[in-house]
Amino acid sequence: MRALCLITVKPGKVDSVVQILKKKRKVVKQIMVVTGRADISVLLQGGIEDINNMVIDFKKIKDIVTTETLIEVEVNLGW
């Protein structure tokens, strides 16, 4: 299962949060600094429980303000 976690951080803290996220390699597959409503986008891959635990862990990082997690779903559109 894959998920995309959109993370908003305190001003000026993007670099320090990225360094913390780089240490979480078990579920974190890619980290991207992005523009828009989020500051960082993290691609997660693993079981639903692993992803859930990782997002809960993200919320413990003091410079993270908000997270929004988009979980990939499989949809049969009949194409």
Protein backbone atom coordinates (compact mmCIF):
# COMPACT_ATOMS: atom_id res chain seq x y z
CA MET A 1 0.00 0.00 0.00
CA ARG A 2 1.16 3.51 -0.76
CA ALA A 3 0.21 6.87 0.73
CA LEU A 4 1.19 10.48 0.23
CA CYS A 5 1.57 12.57 3.38
CA LEU A 6 1.39 16.34 2.93
CA ILE A 7 3.19 18.14 5.75
CA THR A 8 3.07 21.79 6.79
CA VAL A 9 5.90 23.01 9.02
CA LYS A 10 6.71 26.12 11.04
CA PRO A 11 8.38 28.92 9.02
CA GLY A 12 12.09 28.32 8.45
CA LYS A 13 11.98 24.70 9.63
CA VAL A 14 11.71 22.80 6.33
CA ASP A 15 15.38 21.75 6.24
CA SER A 16 15.45 20.49 9.83
CA VAL A 17 12.22 18.50 9.38
CA VAL A 18 13.52 16.95 6.15
CA GLN A 19 16.65 15.79 8.01
CA ILE A 20 14.48 14.12 10.67
CA LEU A 21 12.28 12.47 8.03
CA LYS A 22 15.33 11.06 6.19
CA LYS A 23 16.07 8.91 9.24
CA LYS A 24 12.70 7.12 8.94
CA ARG A 25 13.61 4.88 5.99
CA LYS A 26 11.47 1.84 6.88
CA VAL A 27 8.21 3.31 5.52
CA VAL A 28 9.38 6.63 3.99
CA LYS A 29 10.30 6.06 0.35
CA GLN A 30 10.63 9.61 -0.98
CA ILE A 31 10.71 13.12 0.49
CA MET A 32 9.94 16.17 -1.64
CA VAL A 33 9.97 19.84 -0.67
CA VAL A 34 6.94 21.25 -2.53
CA THR A 35 5.05 24.46 -3.16
CA GLY A 36 1.37 24.97 -2.40
CA ARG A 37 -0.53 24.46 0.82
CA ALA A 38 2.01 21.89 2.06
CA ASP A 39 5.75 22.37 2.54
CA ILE A 40 6.85 18.73 2.33
CA SER A 41 5.37 15.72 0.57
CA VAL A 42 6.37 12.24 1.75
CA LEU A 43 5.69 9.03 -0.19
CA LEU A 44 5.05 6.18 2.24
CA GLN A 45 4.94 2.49 1.40
CA GLY A 46 3.98 -0.39 3.69
CA GLY A 47 1.02 -1.93 5.43
CA ILE A 48 -1.82 0.28 6.65
CA GLU A 49 -0.67 -0.13 10.24
CA ASP A 50 2.91 0.87 9.32
CA ILE A 51 1.66 3.95 7.49
CA ASN A 52 -0.68 4.87 10.36
CA ASN A 53 2.13 4.52 12.92
CA MET A 54 4.48 6.62 10.77
CA VAL A 55 1.95 9.46 10.45
CA ILE A 56 1.38 9.35 14.22
CA ASP A 57 5.18 9.54 14.61
CA PHE A 58 5.28 12.58 12.28
CA LYS A 59 2.88 14.41 14.59
CA LYS A 60 5.42 14.08 17.41
CA ILE A 61 7.95 16.21 15.49
CA LYS A 62 7.64 19.63 17.16
CA ASP A 63 8.12 21.71 13.99
CA ILE A 64 5.33 19.95 12.07
CA VAL A 65 2.12 21.99 12.18
CA THR A 66 -0.28 19.79 10.18
CA THR A 67 -0.36 16.60 8.14
CA GLU A 68 -2.81 15.33 5.53
CA THR A 69 -2.49 11.74 4.36
CA LEU A 70 -3.78 10.57 0.99
CA ILE A 71 -4.01 6.77 0.81
CA GLU A 72 -3.88 5.13 -2.60
CA VAL A 73 -6.93 3.07 -3.51
CA GLU A 74 -7.52 0.68 -6.36
CA VAL A 75 -10.61 1.44 -8.41
CA ASN A 76 -11.89 -0.70 -11.26
CA LEU A 77 -13.31 1.73 -13.79
CA GLY A 78 -13.94 -1.05 -16.30
CA TRP A 79 -11.45 0.26 -18.85
